[in-house]
Protein backbone atom coordinates (compact mmCIF):
# COMPACT_ATOMS: atom_id res chain seq x y z
CA MET A 1 -35.16 9.17 -23.45
CA LYS A 2 -36.07 5.41 -23.54
CA GLN A 3 -33.96 3.43 -20.69
CA PRO A 4 -31.88 1.12 -22.19
CA SER A 5 -32.44 -3.27 -20.94
CA TRP A 6 -30.62 -4.71 -18.55
CA ASN A 7 -28.98 -7.25 -20.66
CA ASN A 8 -27.87 -4.11 -23.58
CA LEU A 9 -26.68 -1.49 -21.17
CA PRO A 10 -22.97 -0.12 -22.12
CA LEU A 11 -20.95 -1.16 -19.59
CA VAL A 12 -17.86 0.77 -18.42
CA ASP A 13 -14.83 -0.38 -17.06
CA SER A 14 -12.18 2.75 -15.96
CA HIS A 15 -9.54 0.94 -16.01
CA LEU A 16 -7.45 -1.68 -18.23
CA ASP A 17 -4.42 -2.68 -18.47
CA LEU A 18 -4.83 -3.74 -22.66
CA ALA A 19 -1.67 -2.50 -24.32
CA GLU A 20 0.31 -2.81 -21.75
CA ASN A 21 -0.18 -6.95 -22.09
CA VAL A 22 0.50 -6.77 -25.67
CA THR A 23 3.72 -4.69 -26.32
CA LEU A 24 5.52 -5.34 -22.55
CA PHE A 25 3.90 -9.19 -22.06
CA GLY A 26 3.14 -10.63 -25.61
CA ARG A 27 -0.25 -11.47 -25.02
CA ASP A 28 -2.86 -11.40 -28.06
CA LEU A 29 -6.09 -9.45 -27.31
CA THR A 30 -8.37 -10.57 -30.88
CA LEU A 31 -7.89 -13.82 -29.40
CA SER A 32 -10.58 -14.68 -26.98
CA ALA A 33 -9.62 -15.56 -23.00
CA ALA A 34 -9.91 -19.45 -23.44
CA GLU A 35 -7.82 -19.67 -26.30
CA ILE A 36 -5.01 -17.51 -25.00
CA ARG A 37 -5.36 -19.59 -21.67
CA THR A 38 -4.68 -22.43 -23.90
CA ILE A 39 -1.64 -20.89 -25.59
CA GLU A 40 0.10 -19.98 -22.52
CA LYS A 41 -0.23 -22.76 -20.24
CA ARG A 42 -0.03 -20.45 -17.29
CA ALA A 43 -1.58 -21.53 -13.56
CA THR A 44 -1.32 -18.30 -12.08
CA ARG A 45 -2.23 -15.02 -13.97
CA GLN A 46 -4.79 -16.88 -16.72
CA ALA A 47 -6.58 -14.56 -19.04
CA THR A 48 -9.59 -12.83 -17.91
CA VAL A 49 -9.46 -10.25 -20.40
CA SER A 50 -9.70 -9.41 -24.65
CA LEU A 51 -11.01 -8.19 -27.05
CA PRO A 52 -13.72 -10.34 -28.00
CA GLU A 53 -14.24 -10.97 -24.02
CA LEU A 54 -14.90 -7.38 -23.91
CA GLU A 55 -17.79 -7.62 -26.72
CA ARG A 56 -19.24 -10.32 -25.32
CA GLY A 57 -19.59 -8.93 -22.35
CA GLY A 58 -21.17 -5.81 -23.40
CA ILE A 59 -18.29 -3.39 -21.50
CA ALA A 60 -18.73 0.13 -24.42
CA VAL A 61 -16.73 1.77 -22.47
CA VAL A 62 -13.16 1.38 -21.37
CA PHE A 63 -11.27 4.08 -19.76
CA ALA A 64 -7.53 1.86 -21.72
CA THR A 65 -3.84 2.58 -19.81
CA VAL A 66 -1.23 4.25 -21.25
CA THR A 67 1.94 2.94 -19.75
CA ALA A 68 6.05 3.56 -19.14
CA GLY A 69 6.38 0.32 -18.33
CA PHE A 70 8.32 -0.74 -15.01
CA LEU A 71 10.59 1.65 -13.15
CA ALA A 72 13.54 -1.00 -13.18
CA ALA A 73 14.38 0.95 -9.38
CA ASP A 74 10.72 -0.22 -8.48
CA VAL A 75 11.22 -3.40 -10.37
CA GLY A 76 14.96 -4.52 -10.48
CA GLU A 77 16.80 -5.68 -13.47
CA ASN A 78 16.24 -8.82 -13.41
CA PHE A 79 12.27 -8.01 -14.34
CA GLU A 80 11.20 -10.46 -17.47
CA PRO A 81 10.46 -9.37 -19.70
CA ARG A 82 13.45 -7.02 -19.14
CA SER A 83 12.09 -5.30 -22.57
CA ALA A 84 9.52 -4.14 -20.45
CA ILE A 85 11.64 -1.93 -17.94
CA TYR A 86 12.57 1.53 -17.88
CA HIS A 87 15.33 3.49 -16.76
CA THR A 88 15.29 7.17 -18.35
CA PRO A 89 11.99 9.48 -19.27
CA GLU A 90 12.82 9.00 -22.86
CA GLU A 91 12.56 5.05 -22.06
CA ALA A 92 8.79 5.85 -21.10
CA GLU A 93 8.33 8.23 -23.87
CA THR A 94 9.30 5.52 -26.41
CA GLN A 95 7.34 2.63 -24.37
CA ALA A 96 3.77 4.53 -23.93
CA LEU A 97 4.15 5.81 -27.97
CA THR A 98 3.77 2.50 -28.61
CA GLN A 99 0.81 1.57 -27.05
CA ILE A 100 -0.89 4.87 -28.36
CA ALA A 101 0.30 3.26 -32.02
CA LEU A 102 -1.02 0.12 -31.49
CA TYR A 103 -5.06 2.00 -29.84
CA GLU A 104 -4.43 3.12 -33.29
CA ALA A 105 -3.80 -0.13 -35.73
CA TRP A 106 -6.65 -1.37 -33.04
CA GLU A 107 -9.45 1.33 -34.77
CA LYS A 108 -7.64 1.47 -38.36
CA GLN A 109 -8.78 -2.39 -38.16
CA GLY A 110 -11.77 -1.76 -36.80
CA ARG A 111 -11.69 -3.62 -33.69
CA VAL A 112 -12.24 -0.28 -31.21
CA ARG A 113 -12.80 2.89 -31.55
CA LEU A 114 -10.88 6.32 -29.70
CA LEU A 115 -12.75 8.43 -27.98
CA LYS A 116 -10.98 11.58 -27.49
CA SER A 117 -14.53 14.10 -27.26
CA VAL A 118 -18.43 13.92 -25.69
CA ASN A 119 -19.08 14.25 -29.52
CA ASP A 120 -16.98 10.72 -30.13
CA LEU A 121 -18.34 9.08 -26.52
CA ASN A 122 -21.75 10.06 -28.07
CA HIS A 123 -22.05 8.52 -31.22
CA HIS A 124 -19.76 5.48 -30.13
CA LEU A 125 -22.95 4.42 -28.06
CA GLN A 126 -24.96 4.81 -31.38
CA LEU A 127 -22.80 2.44 -33.47
CA TRP A 128 -22.29 0.18 -30.36
CA GLN A 129 -25.94 -0.79 -30.29
CA ASN A 130 -25.63 -2.85 -32.96
CA ASP A 131 -21.83 -3.58 -33.58
CA ARG A 132 -20.23 -4.00 -29.57
CA LYS A 133 -17.65 -2.70 -29.77
CA PRO A 134 -15.20 -0.99 -27.10
CA GLY A 135 -15.04 2.26 -27.03
CA LEU A 136 -11.17 3.44 -25.62
CA VAL A 137 -10.70 6.48 -23.14
CA MET A 138 -6.62 6.23 -23.02
CA LEU A 139 -5.58 7.14 -19.96
CA MET A 140 -1.62 6.98 -18.16
CA GLU A 141 -1.02 5.21 -15.49
CA GLY A 142 2.45 6.93 -14.11
CA ALA A 143 3.63 10.19 -16.07
CA ASP A 144 6.95 9.01 -16.69
CA PRO A 145 6.41 9.01 -20.42
CA ILE A 146 5.86 12.96 -19.82
CA VAL A 147 9.86 14.27 -20.92
CA ARG A 148 9.17 17.11 -20.14
CA VAL A 149 6.05 19.75 -18.93
CA ARG A 150 5.86 21.33 -22.12
CA ASP A 151 5.11 18.13 -24.47
CA LEU A 152 2.07 18.20 -22.54
CA SER A 153 -0.06 19.24 -25.42
CA GLN A 154 1.52 17.14 -28.03
CA TRP A 155 0.08 14.27 -25.87
CA TRP A 156 -3.55 15.90 -25.97
CA GLN A 157 -3.17 15.73 -30.20
CA ARG A 158 -1.83 12.03 -29.84
CA GLY A 159 -5.17 11.42 -27.59
CA LEU A 160 -4.63 11.21 -24.44
CA ARG A 161 -7.10 12.52 -22.08
CA MET A 162 -6.45 11.18 -18.54
CA ILE A 163 -3.23 10.92 -16.82
CA GLY A 164 -2.30 10.04 -12.93
CA LEU A 165 0.70 11.17 -11.97
CA SER A 166 2.38 7.89 -10.30
CA PHE A 167 2.71 4.42 -10.11
CA GLY A 168 4.93 4.33 -8.03
CA ASP A 169 7.37 7.86 -7.86
CA THR A 170 8.33 9.51 -10.58
CA LYS A 171 9.51 12.94 -11.69
CA TYR A 172 5.70 14.30 -10.40
CA GLY A 173 5.50 12.59 -7.33
CA THR A 174 5.43 9.87 -4.71
CA GLY A 175 3.73 6.99 -5.45
CA VAL A 176 2.68 3.78 -3.59
CA CYS A 177 2.62 1.08 -6.54
CA GLY A 178 0.87 -1.70 -4.63
CA GLY A 179 0.24 -0.19 -1.82
CA ASN A 180 2.04 -1.11 1.69
CA SER A 181 0.68 -0.87 5.54
CA THR A 182 3.30 1.35 6.53
CA PHE A 183 1.95 4.24 4.84
CA LYS A 184 4.30 6.31 2.09
CA GLN A 185 4.98 9.62 3.32
CA GLY A 186 5.64 12.06 -0.35
CA GLY A 187 3.99 14.48 -2.17
CA LEU A 188 3.57 16.46 -5.50
CA THR A 189 7.29 17.60 -6.48
CA ALA A 190 7.75 21.24 -8.24
CA GLU A 191 7.23 19.55 -11.91
CA GLY A 192 4.61 17.87 -10.36
CA PHE A 193 2.68 21.12 -9.19
CA ALA A 194 3.90 22.40 -12.89
CA LEU A 195 2.41 19.41 -14.35
CA LEU A 196 -1.46 19.50 -12.94
CA GLU A 197 -1.64 23.37 -13.97
CA GLN A 198 -0.56 22.81 -17.44
CA MET A 199 -3.44 19.77 -17.03
CA ALA A 200 -6.23 21.27 -15.84
CA GLU A 201 -5.21 24.50 -18.55
CA LEU A 202 -5.22 21.85 -21.42
CA GLY A 203 -8.07 19.52 -20.08
CA PHE A 204 -6.96 16.61 -18.62
CA VAL A 205 -8.67 14.71 -16.30
CA TRP A 206 -6.89 13.63 -13.62
CA ASP A 207 -6.51 10.29 -11.78
CA ILE A 208 -5.28 10.19 -8.42
CA SER A 209 -4.77 6.40 -8.29
CA HIS A 210 -1.46 5.15 -6.82
CA LEU A 211 -0.55 8.86 -5.49
CA ALA A 212 0.06 8.95 -1.58
CA GLU A 213 -2.04 10.54 -0.38
CA GLU A 214 -0.44 14.31 0.73
CA GLY A 215 0.12 14.13 -2.99
CA ILE A 216 -3.89 13.76 -3.58
CA TRP A 217 -4.44 17.17 -0.96
CA GLN A 218 -1.96 18.84 -2.50
CA GLY A 219 -3.16 18.88 -6.02
CA LEU A 220 -7.40 18.61 -4.63
CA ASP A 221 -6.04 22.07 -2.37
CA ARG A 222 -5.51 23.65 -5.66
CA LYS A 223 -9.11 23.01 -7.20
CA PHE A 224 -8.53 20.85 -10.45
CA PRO A 225 -11.81 20.44 -11.85
CA ARG A 226 -11.57 17.21 -13.91
CA VAL A 227 -10.56 14.40 -10.26
CA CYS A 228 -11.80 11.24 -10.64
CA ALA A 229 -9.76 7.18 -9.37
CA SER A 230 -10.06 5.15 -12.06
CA HIS A 231 -9.23 2.00 -9.88
CA ALA A 232 -9.19 2.03 -6.11
CA ASN A 233 -10.91 0.83 -2.93
CA ALA A 234 -11.90 2.23 0.57
CA GLN A 235 -8.57 1.68 2.97
CA ALA A 236 -10.52 1.72 6.18
CA LEU A 237 -11.90 -1.81 4.54
CA THR A 238 -8.42 -2.52 2.64
CA PRO A 239 -5.87 -0.60 5.00
CA THR A 240 -2.68 0.17 3.05
CA ASP A 241 -1.57 4.08 1.30
CA ARG A 242 -3.01 2.07 -2.39
CA HIS A 243 -6.42 2.99 -1.45
CA LEU A 244 -8.15 5.70 -0.22
CA SER A 245 -9.19 7.39 3.62
CA ASP A 246 -12.92 7.71 3.67
CA ASP A 247 -11.59 11.86 3.49
CA VAL A 248 -10.06 11.45 -0.30
CA ILE A 249 -13.16 9.16 -1.04
CA ARG A 250 -15.52 12.08 0.21
CA ALA A 251 -13.71 14.69 -1.56
CA ILE A 252 -14.17 12.62 -4.89
CA ALA A 253 -17.37 13.02 -4.48
CA GLU A 254 -17.50 16.77 -3.43
CA ARG A 255 -15.77 17.18 -7.08
CA ASN A 256 -18.68 14.80 -9.23
CA GLY A 257 -15.88 12.08 -9.44
CA VAL A 258 -16.53 9.04 -9.56
CA MET A 259 -14.71 6.07 -7.71
CA GLY A 260 -13.68 2.82 -9.40
CA LEU A 261 -13.73 -0.60 -7.58
CA VAL A 262 -10.73 -3.02 -8.22
CA LEU A 263 -11.75 -6.58 -8.24
CA TYR A 264 -8.45 -8.05 -7.32
CA ASN A 265 -9.05 -10.19 -4.61
CA GLY A 266 -5.96 -8.66 -2.46
CA PHE A 267 -7.88 -6.02 -2.80
CA LEU A 268 -11.15 -6.72 -1.56
CA GLU A 269 -9.88 -9.14 1.24
CA PRO A 270 -6.54 -8.49 2.76
CA ARG A 271 -6.36 -11.86 4.59
CA TRP A 272 -6.30 -13.47 1.29
CA LYS A 273 -2.48 -13.11 0.55
CA GLN A 274 -1.98 -14.50 3.43
CA ASP A 275 -4.22 -17.30 2.50
CA THR A 276 -5.56 -17.93 -0.82
CA SER A 277 -7.91 -20.33 0.47
CA ILE A 278 -10.37 -17.70 1.59
CA ALA A 279 -12.98 -17.34 -0.98
CA VAL A 280 -13.11 -14.59 -2.18
CA THR A 281 -16.76 -13.13 -3.93
CA LEU A 282 -18.54 -10.36 -5.58
CA ASP A 283 -21.29 -11.24 -3.46
CA ASP A 284 -19.61 -10.56 -0.38
CA HIS A 285 -16.87 -8.91 -0.82
CA LEU A 286 -17.65 -6.27 -3.54
CA ARG A 287 -20.48 -5.92 -1.70
CA ARG A 288 -18.94 -4.43 1.16
CA GLN A 289 -16.76 -1.86 -0.68
CA ALA A 290 -19.43 -0.72 -3.02
CA ASN A 291 -21.43 -0.28 0.87
CA TYR A 292 -18.54 1.69 2.03
CA VAL A 293 -18.34 3.57 -0.92
CA ALA A 294 -21.57 4.58 -1.68
CA ASN A 295 -22.35 5.05 2.33
CA LEU A 296 -19.75 8.04 2.21
CA ALA A 297 -20.09 9.93 -0.99
CA GLY A 298 -23.38 7.84 -2.43
CA TRP A 299 -24.34 5.73 -5.20
CA GLU A 300 -24.24 8.42 -8.15
CA HIS A 301 -20.25 8.01 -7.27
CA VAL A 302 -19.59 4.31 -7.01
CA GLY A 303 -18.16 3.01 -10.73
CA ILE A 304 -15.99 -0.31 -11.54
CA GLY A 305 -12.68 0.30 -12.05
CA SER A 306 -11.52 -3.59 -12.73
CA ASP A 307 -7.99 -3.45 -13.16
CA LEU A 308 -8.40 -7.05 -14.38
CA ASP A 309 -5.38 -8.51 -15.46
CA GLY A 310 -3.35 -5.75 -14.68
CA GLY A 311 -0.79 -8.21 -12.66
CA PHE A 312 -2.69 -10.21 -11.81
CA GLY A 313 -5.31 -12.92 -13.33
CA LEU A 314 -8.14 -15.55 -12.94
CA GLU A 315 -6.80 -17.21 -9.93
CA GLU A 316 -7.07 -14.13 -8.24
CA SER A 317 -10.45 -12.56 -9.10
CA PRO A 318 -13.36 -13.53 -7.22
CA ALA A 319 -15.47 -16.78 -7.40
CA GLU A 320 -18.24 -15.26 -10.23
CA ILE A 321 -15.11 -13.97 -12.39
CA ASP A 322 -13.97 -15.85 -15.19
CA THR A 323 -13.76 -13.13 -17.43
CA VAL A 324 -14.62 -9.32 -17.61
CA ALA A 325 -17.55 -10.53 -20.27
CA ASP A 326 -18.70 -11.10 -16.16
CA LEU A 327 -18.55 -7.44 -15.52
CA ARG A 328 -22.51 -7.59 -15.01
CA LYS A 329 -22.61 -9.75 -12.27
CA VAL A 330 -21.44 -6.75 -10.53
CA GLY A 331 -25.34 -5.12 -10.86
CA SER A 332 -26.89 -8.14 -8.01
CA VAL A 333 -24.63 -7.05 -5.39
CA VAL A 334 -26.04 -3.20 -5.82
CA PRO A 335 -29.12 -2.08 -4.85
CA ALA A 336 -31.53 -2.28 -8.24
CA GLU A 337 -32.72 1.29 -8.31
CA VAL A 338 -28.80 2.30 -8.48
CA ARG A 339 -27.51 -0.93 -10.79
CA GLU A 340 -27.35 1.42 -14.31
CA GLN A 341 -25.45 4.19 -12.68
CA VAL A 342 -22.66 2.26 -10.96
CA LEU A 343 -22.51 0.12 -14.29
CA SER A 344 -22.80 2.80 -16.41
CA ALA A 345 -24.21 5.77 -16.46
CA ASN A 346 -21.90 7.35 -13.42
CA TRP A 347 -19.01 7.08 -15.03
CA LEU A 348 -20.85 8.33 -18.45
CA ASN A 349 -22.11 11.25 -16.95
CA PHE A 350 -18.45 11.84 -15.95
CA LEU A 351 -17.07 11.33 -19.23
CA ARG A 352 -19.46 13.80 -20.74
CA SER A 353 -18.52 16.64 -18.14
CA ALA A 354 -15.04 15.87 -17.84
CA LEU A 355 -14.15 15.18 -21.75
CA PRO A 356 -13.76 18.46 -24.97
CA GLN A 357 -17.26 18.61 -26.73
CA THR A 358 -15.31 17.91 -30.32
CA ALA A 359 -11.71 16.59 -30.50
């Protein structure tokens, strides 16, 4: 099989909040990042992600999130926009279904392709060589939209293929939100164990991101078959409970999972949150994270889960990143012999082993 050229490599980003930025924050992702910035005139959280930027950057596959919005108990009743807040599982379900409807509309408009199976993925990658349209694998971040465990099969039929049980606390488990240096205690609830059991049976991928470590180990001890961390960094370098301990990183690798590294400055250099004058770069800070994880798990378990525009933007991203179209620059901070793996093949191989053969 002919190896893809460096510029023709189909990149994978394992975590982008595309629909959330549209349905909850009113951003038009059919525009370029420059056009969005002109419209919004923001000094922080400036746009870096849009569909044209994904095309321009050669990002062939995205794990595109489906979210509940923000739980009122986590963000307060004065959170803006208030339409992004939910109080009940039914409100969470409505938010998530609206986001799936957006992805389906984009597909009908020819802007994206929804990937629900290995056959979908392989066909998409053939078409992508000519049209550069991104393929989306739908990932639920925080499982509150699943009102009842017995509803899970309906979400599978809607095309959802990956689930993270928590962002903050959910009915299914203890979540760590953006993380804290005082590690949060708690694990899975009885409903969380039941949901994981049904996820395993139906074929879902379990994304352990944002779950407290006790809950991670409870699920791993049940030998869940398809495990990844769509967006997380090494706790040893960024010491909060949002990130993964050495033992968890090794456990992901032992289960043939992949860990997508986040490109948020505060997750790459902890001191940056107190002193934003610190220059955070891919060359220094992401290289350090990538090497650390690879030394624990092997390069075949390292990928990109940028989370760009996931609550942060241009001013909060490494110096080399202007838009998501710059993800290819990540290749320059890993050894040349593993560049294709980290940018593309590791996540593609994971999807080929985890997705059903046909939809």
